[in-house]
Amino acid sequence: VIGREATQPSGLLRVSVPLSYGLR
């Protein structure tokens, strides 16, 4: 980001979501 090179994010993204909302 600092070097202005982050044109396409990559890597692992961990997300927590409520069960019913996630399914729908």
PDB file of all heavy atoms in Angstrom:
ATOM      1  N   VAL A   1       0.836  -1.203   0.000  1.00  0.00           N
ATOM      2  CA  VAL A   1       0.000   0.000   0.000  1.00  0.00           C
ATOM      3  C   VAL A   1       0.867   1.249   0.000  1.00  0.00           C
ATOM      4  O   VAL A   1       0.649   2.197  -0.761  1.00  0.00           O
ATOM      5  CB  VAL A   1      -0.934   0.002   1.234  1.00  0.00           C
ATOM      6  CG1 VAL A   1      -1.606   1.356   1.396  1.00  0.00           C
ATOM      7  CG2 VAL A   1      -1.986  -1.078   1.095  1.00  0.00           C
ATOM      8  N   ILE A   2       1.877   1.256   0.871  1.00  0.00           N
ATOM      9  CA  ILE A   2       2.758   2.418   0.964  1.00  0.00           C
ATOM     10  C   ILE A   2       3.480   2.641  -0.362  1.00  0.00           C
ATOM     11  O   ILE A   2       3.676   3.766  -0.818  1.00  0.00           O
ATOM     12  CB  ILE A   2       3.770   2.231   2.109  1.00  0.00           C
ATOM     13  CG1 ILE A   2       3.024   2.208   3.452  1.00  0.00           C
ATOM     14  CG2 ILE A   2       4.817   3.346   2.103  1.00  0.00           C
ATOM     15  CD1 ILE A   2       3.890   1.860   4.631  1.00  0.00           C
ATOM     16  N   GLY A   3       3.876   1.550  -0.994  1.00  0.00           N
ATOM     17  CA  GLY A   3       4.588   1.647  -2.273  1.00  0.00           C
ATOM     18  C   GLY A   3       3.667   1.772  -3.473  1.00  0.00           C
ATOM     19  O   GLY A   3       4.111   1.712  -4.612  1.00  0.00           O
ATOM     20  N   ARG A   4       2.330   1.865  -3.225  1.00  0.00           N
ATOM     21  CA  ARG A   4       1.336   1.987  -4.290  1.00  0.00           C
ATOM     22  C   ARG A   4       1.426   0.828  -5.281  1.00  0.00           C
ATOM     23  O   ARG A   4       1.281   1.005  -6.488  1.00  0.00           O
ATOM     24  CB  ARG A   4       1.494   3.324  -5.026  1.00  0.00           C
ATOM     25  CG  ARG A   4       1.309   4.529  -4.128  1.00  0.00           C
ATOM     26  CD  ARG A   4       1.367   5.826  -4.910  1.00  0.00           C
ATOM     27  NE  ARG A   4       1.242   6.968  -4.032  1.00  0.00           N
ATOM     28  CZ  ARG A   4       0.095   7.452  -3.568  1.00  0.00           C
ATOM     29  NH1 ARG A   4      -1.041   6.897  -3.916  1.00  0.00           N
ATOM     30  NH2 ARG A   4       0.068   8.505  -2.764  1.00  0.00           N
ATOM     31  N   GLU A   5       1.650  -0.358  -4.721  1.00  0.00           N
ATOM     32  CA  GLU A   5       1.764  -1.531  -5.581  1.00  0.00           C
ATOM     33  C   GLU A   5       0.601  -2.502  -5.381  1.00  0.00           C
ATOM     34  O   GLU A   5       0.556  -3.559  -6.015  1.00  0.00           O
ATOM     35  CB  GLU A   5       3.083  -2.255  -5.319  1.00  0.00           C
ATOM     36  CG  GLU A   5       4.309  -1.409  -5.662  1.00  0.00           C
ATOM     37  CD  GLU A   5       5.589  -2.109  -5.279  1.00  0.00           C
ATOM     38  OE1 GLU A   5       5.511  -3.237  -4.745  1.00  0.00           O
ATOM     39  OE2 GLU A   5       6.657  -1.528  -5.509  1.00  0.00           O
ATOM     40  N   ALA A   6      -0.320  -2.140  -4.481  1.00  0.00           N
ATOM     41  CA  ALA A   6      -1.398  -3.076  -4.162  1.00  0.00           C
ATOM     42  C   ALA A   6      -2.545  -2.930  -5.152  1.00  0.00           C
ATOM     43  O   ALA A   6      -3.621  -2.459  -4.833  1.00  0.00           O
ATOM     44  CB  ALA A   6      -1.904  -2.828  -2.740  1.00  0.00           C
ATOM     45  N   THR A   7      -2.301  -3.304  -6.381  1.00  0.00           N
ATOM     46  CA  THR A   7      -3.335  -3.187  -7.408  1.00  0.00           C
ATOM     47  C   THR A   7      -4.336  -4.328  -7.335  1.00  0.00           C
ATOM     48  O   THR A   7      -5.472  -4.186  -7.773  1.00  0.00           O
ATOM     49  CB  THR A   7      -2.686  -3.191  -8.801  1.00  0.00           C
ATOM     50  OG1 THR A   7      -1.913  -4.386  -8.954  1.00  0.00           O
ATOM     51  CG2 THR A   7      -1.774  -1.974  -8.965  1.00  0.00           C
ATOM     52  N   GLN A   8      -3.941  -5.458  -6.779  1.00  0.00           N
ATOM     53  CA  GLN A   8      -4.834  -6.610  -6.700  1.00  0.00           C
ATOM     54  C   GLN A   8      -4.585  -7.332  -5.381  1.00  0.00           C
ATOM     55  O   GLN A   8      -3.594  -8.037  -5.231  1.00  0.00           O
ATOM     56  CB  GLN A   8      -4.587  -7.559  -7.877  1.00  0.00           C
ATOM     57  CG  GLN A   8      -5.625  -8.656  -8.017  1.00  0.00           C
ATOM     58  CD  GLN A   8      -6.960  -8.122  -8.515  1.00  0.00           C
ATOM     59  OE1 GLN A   8      -7.134  -6.939  -8.732  1.00  0.00           O
ATOM     60  NE2 GLN A   8      -7.917  -9.012  -8.693  1.00  0.00           N
ATOM     61  N   PRO A   9      -5.454  -7.173  -4.381  1.00  0.00           N
ATOM     62  CA  PRO A   9      -5.262  -7.830  -3.082  1.00  0.00           C
ATOM     63  C   PRO A   9      -5.134  -9.340  -3.230  1.00  0.00           C
ATOM     64  O   PRO A   9      -5.761  -9.949  -4.106  1.00  0.00           O
ATOM     65  CB  PRO A   9      -6.526  -7.452  -2.310  1.00  0.00           C
ATOM     66  CG  PRO A   9      -7.025  -6.216  -2.971  1.00  0.00           C
ATOM     67  CD  PRO A   9      -6.679  -6.371  -4.424  1.00  0.00           C
ATOM     68  N   SER A  10      -4.333  -9.928  -2.367  1.00  0.00           N
ATOM     69  CA  SER A  10      -4.126 -11.373  -2.415  1.00  0.00           C
ATOM     70  C   SER A  10      -3.924 -11.895  -1.002  1.00  0.00           C
ATOM     71  O   SER A  10      -3.831 -11.137  -0.041  1.00  0.00           O
ATOM     72  CB  SER A  10      -2.909 -11.713  -3.290  1.00  0.00           C
ATOM     73  OG  SER A  10      -1.737 -11.120  -2.735  1.00  0.00           O
ATOM     74  N   GLY A  11      -3.855 -13.210  -0.883  1.00  0.00           N
ATOM     75  CA  GLY A  11      -3.646 -13.838   0.412  1.00  0.00           C
ATOM     76  C   GLY A  11      -4.931 -14.402   0.982  1.00  0.00           C
ATOM     77  O   GLY A  11      -5.938 -14.532   0.297  1.00  0.00           O
ATOM     78  N   LEU A  12      -4.876 -14.736   2.271  1.00  0.00           N
ATOM     79  CA  LEU A  12      -6.007 -15.362   2.964  1.00  0.00           C
ATOM     80  C   LEU A  12      -6.804 -14.313   3.716  1.00  0.00           C
ATOM     81  O   LEU A  12      -6.245 -13.516   4.476  1.00  0.00           O
ATOM     82  CB  LEU A  12      -5.496 -16.428   3.932  1.00  0.00           C
ATOM     83  CG  LEU A  12      -6.553 -17.167   4.759  1.00  0.00           C
ATOM     84  CD1 LEU A  12      -7.478 -17.971   3.866  1.00  0.00           C
ATOM     85  CD2 LEU A  12      -5.881 -18.065   5.802  1.00  0.00           C
ATOM     86  N   LEU A  13      -8.115 -14.313   3.529  1.00  0.00           N
ATOM     87  CA  LEU A  13      -9.019 -13.416   4.241  1.00  0.00           C
ATOM     88  C   LEU A  13      -9.931 -14.258   5.123  1.00  0.00           C
ATOM     89  O   LEU A  13     -10.701 -15.080   4.634  1.00  0.00           O
ATOM     90  CB  LEU A  13      -9.854 -12.594   3.263  1.00  0.00           C
ATOM     91  CG  LEU A  13     -10.860 -11.614   3.883  1.00  0.00           C
ATOM     92  CD1 LEU A  13     -10.131 -10.486   4.606  1.00  0.00           C
ATOM     93  CD2 LEU A  13     -11.800 -11.045   2.814  1.00  0.00           C
ATOM     94  N   ARG A  14      -9.831 -14.046   6.425  1.00  0.00           N
ATOM     95  CA  ARG A  14     -10.662 -14.797   7.380  1.00  0.00           C
ATOM     96  C   ARG A  14     -11.850 -13.935   7.789  1.00  0.00           C
ATOM     97  O   ARG A  14     -11.669 -12.815   8.280  1.00  0.00           O
ATOM     98  CB  ARG A  14      -9.844 -15.201   8.605  1.00  0.00           C
ATOM     99  CG  ARG A  14      -8.738 -16.209   8.300  1.00  0.00           C
ATOM    100  CD  ARG A  14      -8.051 -16.651   9.587  1.00  0.00           C
ATOM    101  NE  ARG A  14      -7.102 -17.718   9.350  1.00  0.00           N
ATOM    102  CZ  ARG A  14      -5.806 -17.527   9.156  1.00  0.00           C
ATOM    103  NH1 ARG A  14      -5.313 -16.298   9.156  1.00  0.00           N
ATOM    104  NH2 ARG A  14      -5.002 -18.548   8.956  1.00  0.00           N
ATOM    105  N   VAL A  15     -13.054 -14.483   7.614  1.00  0.00           N
ATOM    106  CA  VAL A  15     -14.286 -13.731   7.860  1.00  0.00           C
ATOM    107  C   VAL A  15     -15.196 -14.529   8.782  1.00  0.00           C
ATOM    108  O   VAL A  15     -15.369 -15.736   8.604  1.00  0.00           O
ATOM    109  CB  VAL A  15     -15.031 -13.436   6.536  1.00  0.00           C
ATOM    110  CG1 VAL A  15     -16.279 -12.600   6.804  1.00  0.00           C
ATOM    111  CG2 VAL A  15     -14.111 -12.728   5.552  1.00  0.00           C
ATOM    112  N   SER A  16     -15.774 -13.858   9.763  1.00  0.00           N
ATOM    113  CA  SER A  16     -16.761 -14.479  10.649  1.00  0.00           C
ATOM    114  C   SER A  16     -18.127 -13.873  10.345  1.00  0.00           C
ATOM    115  O   SER A  16     -18.269 -12.646  10.293  1.00  0.00           O
ATOM    116  CB  SER A  16     -16.391 -14.226  12.116  1.00  0.00           C
ATOM    117  OG  SER A  16     -17.409 -14.700  12.985  1.00  0.00           O
ATOM    118  N   VAL A  17     -19.139 -14.737  10.142  1.00  0.00           N
ATOM    119  CA  VAL A  17     -20.468 -14.289   9.733  1.00  0.00           C
ATOM    120  C   VAL A  17     -21.520 -15.067  10.525  1.00  0.00           C
ATOM    121  O   VAL A  17     -21.382 -16.281  10.702  1.00  0.00           O
ATOM    122  CB  VAL A  17     -20.704 -14.526   8.222  1.00  0.00           C
ATOM    123  CG1 VAL A  17     -21.998 -13.855   7.773  1.00  0.00           C
ATOM    124  CG2 VAL A  17     -19.531 -14.036   7.398  1.00  0.00           C
ATOM    125  N   PRO A  18     -22.590 -14.402  10.996  1.00  0.00           N
ATOM    126  CA  PRO A  18     -23.680 -15.149  11.637  1.00  0.00           C
ATOM    127  C   PRO A  18     -24.239 -16.219  10.705  1.00  0.00           C
ATOM    128  O   PRO A  18     -24.328 -16.008   9.487  1.00  0.00           O
ATOM    129  CB  PRO A  18     -24.728 -14.063  11.926  1.00  0.00           C
ATOM    130  CG  PRO A  18     -23.940 -12.797  12.022  1.00  0.00           C
ATOM    131  CD  PRO A  18     -22.825 -12.953  11.018  1.00  0.00           C
ATOM    132  N   LEU A  19     -24.620 -17.348  11.276  1.00  0.00           N
ATOM    133  CA  LEU A  19     -24.989 -18.526  10.486  1.00  0.00           C
ATOM    134  C   LEU A  19     -26.100 -18.252   9.474  1.00  0.00           C
ATOM    135  O   LEU A  19     -25.926 -18.450   8.270  1.00  0.00           O
ATOM    136  CB  LEU A  19     -25.401 -19.659  11.427  1.00  0.00           C
ATOM    137  CG  LEU A  19     -25.919 -20.939  10.778  1.00  0.00           C
ATOM    138  CD1 LEU A  19     -24.861 -21.547   9.869  1.00  0.00           C
ATOM    139  CD2 LEU A  19     -26.345 -21.944  11.837  1.00  0.00           C
ATOM    140  N   SER A  20     -27.249 -17.802   9.937  1.00  0.00           N
ATOM    141  CA  SER A  20     -28.390 -17.621   9.027  1.00  0.00           C
ATOM    142  C   SER A  20     -28.114 -16.537   7.993  1.00  0.00           C
ATOM    143  O   SER A  20     -28.458 -16.686   6.815  1.00  0.00           O
ATOM    144  CB  SER A  20     -29.654 -17.274   9.827  1.00  0.00           C
ATOM    145  OG  SER A  20     -30.014 -18.340  10.676  1.00  0.00           O
ATOM    146  N   TYR A  21     -27.479 -15.455   8.423  1.00  0.00           N
ATOM    147  CA  TYR A  21     -27.169 -14.371   7.487  1.00  0.00           C
ATOM    148  C   TYR A  21     -26.158 -14.841   6.443  1.00  0.00           C
ATOM    149  O   TYR A  21     -26.259 -14.508   5.261  1.00  0.00           O
ATOM    150  CB  TYR A  21     -26.620 -13.168   8.246  1.00  0.00           C
ATOM    151  CG  TYR A  21     -26.544 -11.920   7.406  1.00  0.00           C
ATOM    152  CD1 TYR A  21     -27.690 -11.190   7.101  1.00  0.00           C
ATOM    153  CD2 TYR A  21     -25.325 -11.465   6.909  1.00  0.00           C
ATOM    154  CE1 TYR A  21     -27.625 -10.043   6.328  1.00  0.00           C
ATOM    155  CE2 TYR A  21     -25.252 -10.325   6.135  1.00  0.00           C
ATOM    156  CZ  TYR A  21     -26.408  -9.614   5.853  1.00  0.00           C
ATOM    157  OH  TYR A  21     -26.341  -8.482   5.082  1.00  0.00           O
ATOM    158  N   GLY A  22     -25.195 -15.640   6.887  1.00  0.00           N
ATOM    159  CA  GLY A  22     -24.202 -16.151   5.949  1.00  0.00           C
ATOM    160  C   GLY A  22     -24.814 -17.046   4.894  1.00  0.00           C
ATOM    161  O   GLY A  22     -24.489 -16.945   3.709  1.00  0.00           O
ATOM    162  N   LEU A  23     -25.711 -17.929   5.323  1.00  0.00           N
ATOM    163  CA  LEU A  23     -26.331 -18.847   4.375  1.00  0.00           C
ATOM    164  C   LEU A  23     -27.198 -18.119   3.354  1.00  0.00           C
ATOM    165  O   LEU A  23     -27.255 -18.506   2.188  1.00  0.00           O
ATOM    166  CB  LEU A  23     -27.177 -19.883   5.124  1.00  0.00           C
ATOM    167  CG  LEU A  23     -26.396 -20.883   5.979  1.00  0.00           C
ATOM    168  CD1 LEU A  23     -27.358 -21.759   6.769  1.00  0.00           C
ATOM    169  CD2 LEU A  23     -25.487 -21.739   5.110  1.00  0.00           C
ATOM    170  N   ARG A  24     -27.872 -17.051   3.795  1.00  0.00           N
ATOM    171  CA  ARG A  24     -28.768 -16.345   2.881  1.00  0.00           C
ATOM    172  C   ARG A  24     -28.048 -15.272   2.060  1.00  0.00           C
ATOM    173  O   ARG A  24     -28.054 -15.308   0.839  1.00  0.00           O
ATOM    174  CB  ARG A  24     -29.912 -15.709   3.681  1.00  0.00           C
ATOM    175  CG  ARG A  24     -30.953 -16.709   4.093  1.00  0.00           C
ATOM    176  CD  ARG A  24     -31.988 -16.063   4.989  1.00  0.00           C
ATOM    177  NE  ARG A  24     -33.102 -16.979   5.218  1.00  0.00           N
ATOM    178  CZ  ARG A  24     -33.040 -18.014   6.047  1.00  0.00           C
ATOM    179  NH1 ARG A  24     -31.943 -18.254   6.714  1.00  0.00           N
ATOM    180  NH2 ARG A  24     -34.081 -18.817   6.189  1.00  0.00           N
TER     181      ARG A  24
END
